Amino acid sequence: MSHRLRPLRLFLLSGAAAAIAGSAFAQQPAKPPAKAPAQAQPLKDPIVATVNGQPVRLSDLEVAQQSLPQQYRSMPLQAVFPALLERIIDSKLVVQEGKKSKANEDPAFKKRMAFVEEQVLQDFWIQREIAKMVTAEKIQQRYQERLKSLPAEEEVHARHILVSTEDEAKALIAELKKGAAFDKLAKEKSTDKASGAEGGDLGWFKKSDMVKEFADAAFGLKKGELSETPIKTQFGFHIIQIDDRRTAPPPALEELSDQIREELAREAVTAQLDKLRAGAKIEKFNMDGSKAEAAPAAPAKPAAPAATPAKPAAPAAPK
């Protein structure tokens, strides 16, 4: 089998265009298509190839692109155009050969085709319902509800110097107390080169963002304070300085929109399926086709007595 046909075989075995992405797209950087000659009125859906006289239109590639993995669906069509066109040409050739040999008249093919049609219809209907029910207004409403339920969290803006030994850290604390500039020592001495280059600046962070020992020490300091003793963590010994403290701002809508959209879509589909089931007559059978016995109903709990009987009064004490 030639190298050119390997991606095609993978495509046919998987039954989806997504399978070709890892071979054709990942291995071959897409070349921009050659510029077409200028036209006064470009065609809305031009023919981009013919296969034994059968036209392949640009819209065919647009449909095929939607079956690719997400990273390729979000790319401009022209970026995947060459590789995708080659795969569609191969596909058309195989389809033409399949029809010539009447493979499409095989009962097994027709049964499989009916299943595929149901899957496509199911996906199409669900996506259409989601588009109708998951609106920008509902996303905004859920976002506002989410903000009300989020607890206020404190953040600190801190700097640190990281060294290997406790003695090094103590010596640096002594220098800082004598007036040495924190950012200068961080650039010169810190083994954390990334923050050291920024004068030890770690930016804003919440307590949950850091390892426990570091977080406990940082959030125990006030604005402008320096840690009196080295803080030991798995990374070494830290000297911490707090530049500022604040209540963390709430997450922006953009940060939560994908999560909220997924949540609303799941709720919308569940609600629609519940509605369909409620209005449908459904019968279930065993694997051999025999009628399934209904599950026994749970025994009813005995009714609680109307009132707890009163206890008899204790006899009066003898005088």
Protein backbone atom coordinates (compact mmCIF):
# COMPACT_ATOMS: atom_id res chain seq x y z
CA MET A 1 0.00 0.00 0.00
CA SER A 2 1.44 3.39 -0.99
CA HIS A 3 2.16 6.06 1.61
CA ARG A 4 -0.48 8.28 -0.03
CA LEU A 5 -3.24 5.75 0.61
CA ARG A 6 -2.45 5.08 4.30
CA PRO A 7 -4.35 8.16 5.54
CA LEU A 8 -7.26 7.17 3.30
CA ARG A 9 -7.41 3.67 4.77
CA LEU A 10 -7.43 5.16 8.26
CA PHE A 11 -10.22 7.48 7.11
CA LEU A 12 -12.31 4.57 5.82
CA LEU A 13 -11.80 2.41 8.90
CA SER A 14 -12.79 5.18 11.28
CA GLY A 15 -15.75 6.38 9.25
CA ALA A 16 -15.00 10.01 10.10
CA ALA A 17 -12.86 12.75 8.64
CA ALA A 18 -11.29 13.34 12.07
CA ALA A 19 -9.00 10.36 11.54
CA ILE A 20 -7.13 12.03 8.71
CA ALA A 21 -6.18 15.05 10.77
CA GLY A 22 -3.34 13.33 12.61
CA SER A 23 -1.70 12.18 9.38
CA ALA A 24 -2.32 14.65 6.62
CA PHE A 25 -2.55 17.82 8.70
CA ALA A 26 0.00 17.13 11.42
CA GLN A 27 2.70 15.88 9.07
CA GLN A 28 2.30 18.41 6.28
CA PRO A 29 2.19 22.13 7.04
CA ALA A 30 -0.56 23.55 4.88
CA LYS A 31 0.53 25.67 1.95
CA PRO A 32 -1.68 28.59 1.04
CA PRO A 33 -3.66 27.87 -2.13
CA ALA A 34 -2.50 29.54 -5.28
CA LYS A 35 -4.16 32.88 -5.86
CA ALA A 36 -7.03 32.65 -8.29
CA PRO A 37 -7.17 35.17 -11.09
CA ALA A 38 -9.10 38.28 -10.17
CA GLN A 39 -12.79 38.09 -10.94
CA ALA A 40 -15.29 40.87 -11.05
CA GLN A 41 -17.88 38.74 -9.24
CA PRO A 42 -16.34 35.73 -7.41
CA LEU A 43 -18.51 32.62 -7.36
CA LYS A 44 -20.31 31.94 -4.09
CA ASP A 45 -19.69 28.18 -4.24
CA PRO A 46 -16.99 27.51 -6.85
CA ILE A 47 -15.99 24.09 -8.12
CA VAL A 48 -12.55 23.34 -6.64
CA ALA A 49 -11.98 19.94 -8.30
CA THR A 50 -13.64 17.35 -10.50
CA VAL A 51 -13.30 13.59 -10.01
CA ASN A 52 -14.19 11.64 -13.15
CA GLY A 53 -16.43 14.55 -14.06
CA GLN A 54 -18.09 14.78 -10.61
CA PRO A 55 -17.67 18.31 -9.20
CA VAL A 56 -16.29 19.03 -5.74
CA ARG A 57 -17.47 22.41 -4.52
CA LEU A 58 -16.02 24.68 -1.86
CA SER A 59 -19.09 24.05 0.30
CA ASP A 60 -18.19 20.32 0.35
CA LEU A 61 -14.91 21.21 2.06
CA GLU A 62 -16.70 23.49 4.50
CA VAL A 63 -18.96 20.61 5.54
CA ALA A 64 -16.01 18.18 5.76
CA GLN A 65 -14.04 20.62 7.94
CA GLN A 66 -16.76 20.44 10.60
CA SER A 67 -15.98 16.72 11.05
CA LEU A 68 -12.35 17.42 11.93
CA PRO A 69 -10.94 17.79 15.48
CA GLN A 70 -11.60 21.12 17.17
CA GLN A 71 -8.16 22.61 16.43
CA TYR A 72 -8.80 22.21 12.69
CA ARG A 73 -12.46 23.30 12.79
CA SER A 74 -11.44 26.65 14.24
CA MET A 75 -8.76 27.29 11.59
CA PRO A 76 -9.46 29.29 8.42
CA LEU A 77 -10.53 26.93 5.63
CA GLN A 78 -7.63 28.03 3.45
CA ALA A 79 -5.17 26.69 6.05
CA VAL A 80 -6.46 23.10 5.66
CA PHE A 81 -7.65 23.44 2.05
CA PRO A 82 -4.86 21.49 0.24
CA ALA A 83 -4.82 18.45 2.55
CA LEU A 84 -8.59 18.35 2.91
CA LEU A 85 -9.13 18.56 -0.85
CA GLU A 86 -6.80 15.59 -1.43
CA ARG A 87 -8.71 13.51 1.10
CA ILE A 88 -12.06 14.39 -0.46
CA ILE A 89 -10.74 13.45 -3.92
CA ASP A 90 -9.63 10.05 -2.53
CA SER A 91 -13.02 9.65 -0.86
CA LYS A 92 -14.91 10.45 -4.08
CA LEU A 93 -12.85 7.86 -5.97
CA VAL A 94 -13.67 5.15 -3.43
CA VAL A 95 -17.38 6.12 -3.35
CA GLN A 96 -17.56 5.99 -7.15
CA GLU A 97 -15.95 2.56 -7.11
CA GLY A 98 -18.32 1.41 -4.35
CA LYS A 99 -21.36 2.44 -6.39
CA LYS A 100 -19.93 0.82 -9.51
CA SER A 101 -19.61 -2.47 -7.65
CA LYS A 102 -23.10 -1.94 -6.11
CA ALA A 103 -21.72 -2.07 -2.55
CA ASN A 104 -24.40 0.46 -1.67
CA GLU A 105 -27.09 -2.13 -2.42
CA ASP A 106 -25.76 -4.60 0.14
CA PRO A 107 -28.29 -5.07 3.03
CA ALA A 108 -25.47 -4.68 5.57
CA PHE A 109 -24.58 -1.32 3.99
CA LYS A 110 -28.19 -0.14 4.10
CA LYS A 111 -28.53 -1.08 7.76
CA ARG A 112 -25.32 0.73 8.63
CA MET A 113 -26.39 3.72 6.55
CA ALA A 114 -29.69 3.93 8.41
CA PHE A 115 -27.78 3.92 11.71
CA VAL A 116 -25.46 6.72 10.49
CA GLU A 117 -28.45 8.75 9.33
CA GLU A 118 -30.04 8.45 12.76
CA GLN A 119 -26.80 9.55 14.43
CA VAL A 120 -26.51 12.60 12.17
CA LEU A 121 -30.18 13.47 12.69
CA GLN A 122 -29.80 13.10 16.45
CA ASP A 123 -26.75 15.39 16.50
CA PHE A 124 -28.41 17.92 14.19
CA TRP A 125 -31.59 18.05 16.29
CA ILE A 126 -29.67 18.39 19.58
CA GLN A 127 -27.47 21.19 18.24
CA ARG A 128 -30.54 23.01 16.91
CA GLU A 129 -32.32 22.73 20.28
CA ILE A 130 -29.20 23.94 22.12
CA ALA A 131 -28.93 26.94 19.78
CA LYS A 132 -32.55 27.84 20.54
CA MET A 133 -32.35 27.35 24.30
CA VAL A 134 -28.79 28.40 25.21
CA THR A 135 -28.84 32.12 24.49
CA ALA A 136 -26.49 34.95 25.40
CA GLU A 137 -29.14 36.25 27.80
CA LYS A 138 -29.33 32.91 29.62
CA ILE A 139 -25.55 32.69 29.84
CA GLN A 140 -25.43 36.19 31.34
CA GLN A 141 -28.21 35.30 33.80
CA ARG A 142 -26.43 32.12 34.94
CA TYR A 143 -23.17 34.08 35.24
CA GLN A 144 -24.80 36.59 37.60
CA GLU A 145 -26.24 33.72 39.65
CA ARG A 146 -22.80 32.11 39.80
CA LEU A 147 -21.20 35.34 41.05
CA LYS A 148 -23.64 35.48 43.97
CA SER A 149 -22.66 31.98 45.06
CA LEU A 150 -18.89 32.53 44.81
CA PRO A 151 -17.31 33.29 48.20
CA ALA A 152 -15.10 36.38 48.43
CA GLU A 153 -11.44 35.35 48.44
CA GLU A 154 -8.43 37.32 49.58
CA GLU A 155 -5.35 37.75 47.42
CA VAL A 156 -1.87 39.00 48.19
CA HIS A 157 0.69 40.59 45.91
CA ALA A 158 4.02 39.19 47.07
CA ARG A 159 7.71 38.94 46.24
CA HIS A 160 10.09 36.21 47.28
CA ILE A 161 13.74 35.23 47.21
CA LEU A 162 14.45 31.50 47.03
CA VAL A 163 17.80 30.05 48.18
CA SER A 164 19.11 26.57 48.89
CA THR A 165 20.05 26.82 52.59
CA GLU A 166 18.60 28.32 55.75
CA ASP A 167 21.84 30.14 56.50
CA GLU A 168 21.76 31.90 53.13
CA ALA A 169 18.17 32.96 53.77
CA LYS A 170 18.99 34.30 57.27
CA ALA A 171 21.90 36.31 55.88
CA LEU A 172 19.64 37.87 53.22
CA ILE A 173 16.97 38.74 55.81
CA ALA A 174 19.67 40.54 57.82
CA GLU A 175 20.70 42.53 54.71
CA LEU A 176 17.08 43.46 53.99
CA LYS A 177 16.59 44.68 57.56
CA LYS A 178 19.62 46.93 57.10
CA GLY A 179 17.94 48.55 54.09
CA ALA A 180 19.02 46.45 51.09
CA ALA A 181 16.58 46.61 48.15
CA PHE A 182 14.45 43.45 47.92
CA ASP A 183 14.25 43.50 44.11
CA LYS A 184 18.04 43.90 43.79
CA LEU A 185 18.80 40.93 46.06
CA ALA A 186 16.14 38.83 44.27
CA LYS A 187 17.80 39.45 40.90
CA GLU A 188 21.26 38.63 42.28
CA LYS A 189 20.59 35.77 44.71
CA SER A 190 17.28 34.01 44.00
CA THR A 191 17.47 30.53 42.50
CA ASP A 192 13.98 31.12 41.09
CA LYS A 193 15.27 32.81 37.95
CA ALA A 194 11.85 33.55 36.47
CA SER A 195 10.61 35.65 39.40
CA GLY A 196 14.15 36.77 40.23
CA ALA A 197 14.40 38.57 36.89
CA GLU A 198 11.28 40.53 37.97
CA GLY A 199 12.72 41.46 41.35
CA GLY A 200 11.08 38.43 42.99
CA ASP A 201 7.60 39.55 41.93
CA LEU A 202 5.01 36.72 42.05
CA GLY A 203 2.04 38.93 41.19
CA TRP A 204 -1.39 38.42 42.78
CA PHE A 205 -2.33 34.97 44.06
CA LYS A 206 -4.87 33.23 46.30
CA LYS A 207 -3.96 31.01 49.22
CA SER A 208 -4.94 27.90 47.28
CA ASP A 209 -2.51 28.80 44.47
CA MET A 210 0.64 28.10 46.53
CA VAL A 211 2.06 25.20 48.56
CA LYS A 212 0.73 25.22 52.11
CA GLU A 213 3.90 26.34 53.95
CA PHE A 214 4.43 29.27 51.60
CA ALA A 215 0.74 30.26 51.55
CA ASP A 216 0.38 30.15 55.35
CA ALA A 217 3.40 32.42 55.78
CA ALA A 218 2.42 34.86 53.02
CA PHE A 219 -1.18 35.27 54.18
CA GLY A 220 0.02 35.70 57.77
CA LEU A 221 1.89 38.89 56.84
CA LYS A 222 0.46 42.40 56.57
CA LYS A 223 0.97 44.79 53.68
CA GLY A 224 4.61 45.92 53.59
CA GLU A 225 5.82 43.21 56.00
CA LEU A 226 8.83 40.93 55.49
CA SER A 227 9.03 37.36 56.81
CA GLU A 228 11.16 37.37 59.97
CA THR A 229 12.46 33.83 59.43
CA PRO A 230 13.09 31.67 56.33
CA ILE A 231 10.10 29.69 55.06
CA LYS A 232 11.01 26.11 54.16
CA THR A 233 9.18 24.33 51.32
CA GLN A 234 10.01 21.48 48.96
CA PHE A 235 11.76 24.03 46.73
CA GLY A 236 14.15 25.46 49.32
CA PHE A 237 14.09 28.43 51.72
CA HIS A 238 12.01 31.53 50.95
CA ILE A 239 12.07 35.12 52.11
CA ILE A 240 8.66 36.72 51.53
CA GLN A 241 7.61 40.36 51.28
CA ILE A 242 3.97 41.42 50.92
CA ASP A 243 3.44 44.39 48.59
CA ASP A 244 -0.37 44.54 48.87
CA ARG A 245 -3.56 42.71 49.84
CA ARG A 246 -7.08 42.80 48.38
CA THR A 247 -10.33 40.93 47.91
CA ALA A 248 -9.97 38.99 44.67
CA PRO A 249 -12.06 40.37 41.79
CA PRO A 250 -14.76 37.98 40.51
CA PRO A 251 -13.95 35.93 37.41
CA ALA A 252 -14.91 37.64 34.15
CA LEU A 253 -17.75 36.29 32.02
CA GLU A 254 -15.20 35.18 29.41
CA GLU A 255 -13.56 32.88 31.96
CA LEU A 256 -16.81 31.08 32.81
CA SER A 257 -18.79 31.32 29.57
CA ASP A 258 -17.66 27.97 28.10
CA GLN A 259 -18.39 26.16 31.37
CA ILE A 260 -21.80 27.84 31.70
CA ARG A 261 -22.71 27.15 28.05
CA GLU A 262 -21.87 23.45 28.52
CA GLU A 263 -23.92 23.35 31.73
CA LEU A 264 -26.95 25.01 30.10
CA ALA A 265 -26.67 22.75 27.03
CA ARG A 266 -26.67 19.65 29.22
CA GLU A 267 -29.70 20.91 31.14
CA ALA A 268 -31.53 21.79 27.90
CA VAL A 269 -30.94 18.37 26.34
CA THR A 270 -31.91 16.55 29.54
CA ALA A 271 -35.13 18.55 29.79
CA GLN A 272 -36.04 17.80 26.16
CA LEU A 273 -35.31 14.07 26.55
CA ASP A 274 -37.42 13.92 29.72
CA LYS A 275 -40.25 15.61 27.82
CA LEU A 276 -39.96 13.16 24.89
CA ARG A 277 -39.91 10.15 27.22
CA ALA A 278 -42.95 11.41 29.12
CA GLY A 279 -44.98 11.55 25.90
CA ALA A 280 -43.75 8.27 24.41
CA LYS A 281 -44.89 4.65 24.77
CA ILE A 282 -41.73 2.64 25.47
CA GLU A 283 -41.55 -1.15 25.82
CA LYS A 284 -38.39 -3.02 26.77
CA PHE A 285 -37.54 -6.65 26.00
CA ASN A 286 -34.84 -9.09 27.04
CA MET A 287 -31.84 -9.89 24.83
CA ASP A 288 -33.63 -12.94 23.42
CA GLY A 289 -36.66 -10.84 22.47
CA SER A 290 -38.86 -12.13 25.27
CA LYS A 291 -40.91 -9.64 27.23
CA ALA A 292 -39.09 -8.18 30.19
CA GLU A 293 -40.79 -8.60 33.51
CA ALA A 294 -41.62 -5.39 35.27
CA ALA A 295 -39.47 -4.73 38.29
CA PRO A 296 -41.39 -5.36 41.51
CA ALA A 297 -42.63 -2.19 43.10
CA ALA A 298 -41.01 -1.21 46.37
CA PRO A 299 -43.16 -2.22 49.34
CA ALA A 300 -45.19 0.65 50.68
CA LYS A 301 -44.12 1.95 54.05
CA PRO A 302 -46.74 1.53 56.78
CA ALA A 303 -48.59 4.74 57.46
CA ALA A 304 -47.49 6.59 60.56
CA PRO A 305 -50.06 6.68 63.38
CA ALA A 306 -52.17 9.80 63.46
CA ALA A 307 -50.75 10.78 66.81
CA THR A 308 -48.38 9.31 69.35
CA PRO A 309 -50.42 7.83 72.19
CA ALA A 310 -50.06 9.79 75.38
CA LYS A 311 -48.15 8.17 78.20
CA PRO A 312 -50.25 7.37 81.27
CA ALA A 313 -49.86 9.92 83.99
CA ALA A 314 -47.57 8.91 86.87
CA PRO A 315 -49.46 8.11 90.07
CA ALA A 316 -49.43 10.82 92.66
CA ALA A 317 -46.92 10.33 95.46
CA PRO A 318 -48.46 9.13 98.70
CA LYS A 319 -48.76 11.75 101.34
